[in-house]
């Protein structure tokens, strides 16, 4: 697989904005939509860096419904309204 586009959504939750990646346990929060998105991007970067070069990244993505992800697959994050 050359590219995987992961989708994320931002919702107002208990006095703050929360951005979550569909199908993965990743989230960021903030006082605005932009802050929540930025926080999620940072969380995702750290998550990828932590798991990059190990089989765990491919395994977690496969278990989340994204089989065929390899080390050279580009991961993209798309925010839906």
C-alpha atoms as a PDB file:
ATOM      1  CA  UNK A   1       0.000   0.000   0.000  1.00  0.00           C
ATOM      2  CA  UNK A   2       1.467   3.349  -1.051  1.00  0.00           C
ATOM      3  CA  UNK A   3      -0.733   5.675   1.010  1.00  0.00           C
ATOM      4  CA  UNK A   4      -3.231   5.421   3.852  1.00  0.00           C
ATOM      5  CA  UNK A   5      -5.593   8.303   4.629  1.00  0.00           C
ATOM      6  CA  UNK A   6      -6.829   8.262   8.207  1.00  0.00           C
ATOM      7  CA  UNK A   7      -9.889  10.334   9.030  1.00  0.00           C
ATOM      8  CA  UNK A   8     -10.391  12.403  12.148  1.00  0.00           C
ATOM      9  CA  UNK A   9     -13.258  14.413  13.549  1.00  0.00           C
ATOM     10  CA  UNK A  10     -13.451  17.290  16.010  1.00  0.00           C
ATOM     11  CA  UNK A  11     -16.330  17.541  18.457  1.00  0.00           C
ATOM     12  CA  UNK A  12     -17.233  19.776  21.364  1.00  0.00           C
ATOM     13  CA  UNK A  13     -17.068  17.664  24.512  1.00  0.00           C
ATOM     14  CA  UNK A  14     -17.436  18.791  28.098  1.00  0.00           C
ATOM     15  CA  UNK A  15     -16.169  22.339  27.612  1.00  0.00           C
ATOM     16  CA  UNK A  16     -13.379  21.620  25.122  1.00  0.00           C
ATOM     17  CA  UNK A  17     -12.808  20.532  21.552  1.00  0.00           C
ATOM     18  CA  UNK A  18     -11.631  16.952  21.100  1.00  0.00           C
ATOM     19  CA  UNK A  19     -10.126  15.641  17.862  1.00  0.00           C
ATOM     20  CA  UNK A  20     -10.127  11.859  17.420  1.00  0.00           C
ATOM     21  CA  UNK A  21      -8.832   9.570  14.699  1.00  0.00           C
ATOM     22  CA  UNK A  22     -11.535   7.173  13.514  1.00  0.00           C
ATOM     23  CA  UNK A  23     -10.655   3.585  14.440  1.00  0.00           C
ATOM     24  CA  UNK A  24      -7.510   4.443  16.434  1.00  0.00           C
ATOM     25  CA  UNK A  25      -7.089   5.393  20.099  1.00  0.00           C
ATOM     26  CA  UNK A  26      -5.523   8.766  19.292  1.00  0.00           C
ATOM     27  CA  UNK A  27      -6.939  12.113  20.366  1.00  0.00           C
ATOM     28  CA  UNK A  28      -6.002  15.708  20.976  1.00  0.00           C
ATOM     29  CA  UNK A  29      -7.866  18.493  22.700  1.00  0.00           C
ATOM     30  CA  UNK A  30      -7.895  22.251  22.815  1.00  0.00           C
ATOM     31  CA  UNK A  31      -9.854  25.427  23.375  1.00  0.00           C
ATOM     32  CA  UNK A  32     -10.544  25.748  19.639  1.00  0.00           C
ATOM     33  CA  UNK A  33     -10.989  23.424  16.686  1.00  0.00           C
ATOM     34  CA  UNK A  34      -7.530  24.390  15.390  1.00  0.00           C
ATOM     35  CA  UNK A  35      -5.876  23.720  18.756  1.00  0.00           C
ATOM     36  CA  UNK A  36      -7.523  20.291  18.958  1.00  0.00           C
ATOM     37  CA  UNK A  37      -6.424  19.461  15.410  1.00  0.00           C
ATOM     38  CA  UNK A  38      -2.870  20.625  16.097  1.00  0.00           C
ATOM     39  CA  UNK A  39      -2.755  18.591  19.315  1.00  0.00           C
ATOM     40  CA  UNK A  40      -3.961  15.478  17.473  1.00  0.00           C
ATOM     41  CA  UNK A  41      -1.359  15.950  14.734  1.00  0.00           C
ATOM     42  CA  UNK A  42       1.344  16.130  17.419  1.00  0.00           C
ATOM     43  CA  UNK A  43      -0.017  13.012  19.174  1.00  0.00           C
ATOM     44  CA  UNK A  44      -0.089  11.154  15.864  1.00  0.00           C
ATOM     45  CA  UNK A  45       3.494  12.174  15.022  1.00  0.00           C
ATOM     46  CA  UNK A  46       4.721  10.909  18.373  1.00  0.00           C
ATOM     47  CA  UNK A  47       2.717   7.693  17.954  1.00  0.00           C
ATOM     48  CA  UNK A  48       4.209   7.078  14.502  1.00  0.00           C
ATOM     49  CA  UNK A  49       7.761   7.891  15.657  1.00  0.00           C
ATOM     50  CA  UNK A  50       7.376   5.571  18.641  1.00  0.00           C
ATOM     51  CA  UNK A  51       6.143   2.675  16.501  1.00  0.00           C
ATOM     52  CA  UNK A  52       8.081   3.341  13.298  1.00  0.00           C
ATOM     53  CA  UNK A  53      10.497   0.595  12.360  1.00  0.00           C
ATOM     54  CA  UNK A  54       8.686  -1.948  14.491  1.00  0.00           C
ATOM     55  CA  UNK A  55       6.022  -4.433  13.562  1.00  0.00           C
ATOM     56  CA  UNK A  56       3.655  -2.835  16.069  1.00  0.00           C
ATOM     57  CA  UNK A  57       2.659   0.042  13.755  1.00  0.00           C
ATOM     58  CA  UNK A  58       1.661  -2.328  10.982  1.00  0.00           C
ATOM     59  CA  UNK A  59      -0.066  -4.639  13.469  1.00  0.00           C
ATOM     60  CA  UNK A  60      -2.087  -1.870  15.153  1.00  0.00           C
ATOM     61  CA  UNK A  61      -3.198  -0.471  11.796  1.00  0.00           C
ATOM     62  CA  UNK A  62      -4.095  -3.947  10.536  1.00  0.00           C
ATOM     63  CA  UNK A  63      -6.172  -4.633  13.656  1.00  0.00           C
ATOM     64  CA  UNK A  64      -7.918  -1.277  13.147  1.00  0.00           C
ATOM     65  CA  UNK A  65      -9.033  -2.378   9.683  1.00  0.00           C
ATOM     66  CA  UNK A  66      -6.100  -1.213   7.572  1.00  0.00           C
ATOM     67  CA  UNK A  67      -4.301  -4.359   6.386  1.00  0.00           C
ATOM     68  CA  UNK A  68      -1.374  -4.116   4.002  1.00  0.00           C
ATOM     69  CA  UNK A  69       0.353  -1.143   5.613  1.00  0.00           C
ATOM     70  CA  UNK A  70       4.103  -1.427   5.267  1.00  0.00           C
ATOM     71  CA  UNK A  71       7.004   0.611   6.603  1.00  0.00           C
ATOM     72  CA  UNK A  72       7.156   2.765   3.462  1.00  0.00           C
ATOM     73  CA  UNK A  73       3.401   3.509   3.411  1.00  0.00           C
ATOM     74  CA  UNK A  74       2.667   7.245   3.642  1.00  0.00           C
ATOM     75  CA  UNK A  75       0.156   8.080   6.380  1.00  0.00           C
ATOM     76  CA  UNK A  76      -2.109  11.084   5.814  1.00  0.00           C
ATOM     77  CA  UNK A  77      -4.552  12.630   8.284  1.00  0.00           C
ATOM     78  CA  UNK A  78      -7.760  14.182   6.970  1.00  0.00           C
ATOM     79  CA  UNK A  79     -10.171  16.101   9.181  1.00  0.00           C
ATOM     80  CA  UNK A  80     -13.866  15.717   8.369  1.00  0.00           C
ATOM     81  CA  UNK A  81     -16.513  18.224   9.360  1.00  0.00           C
END
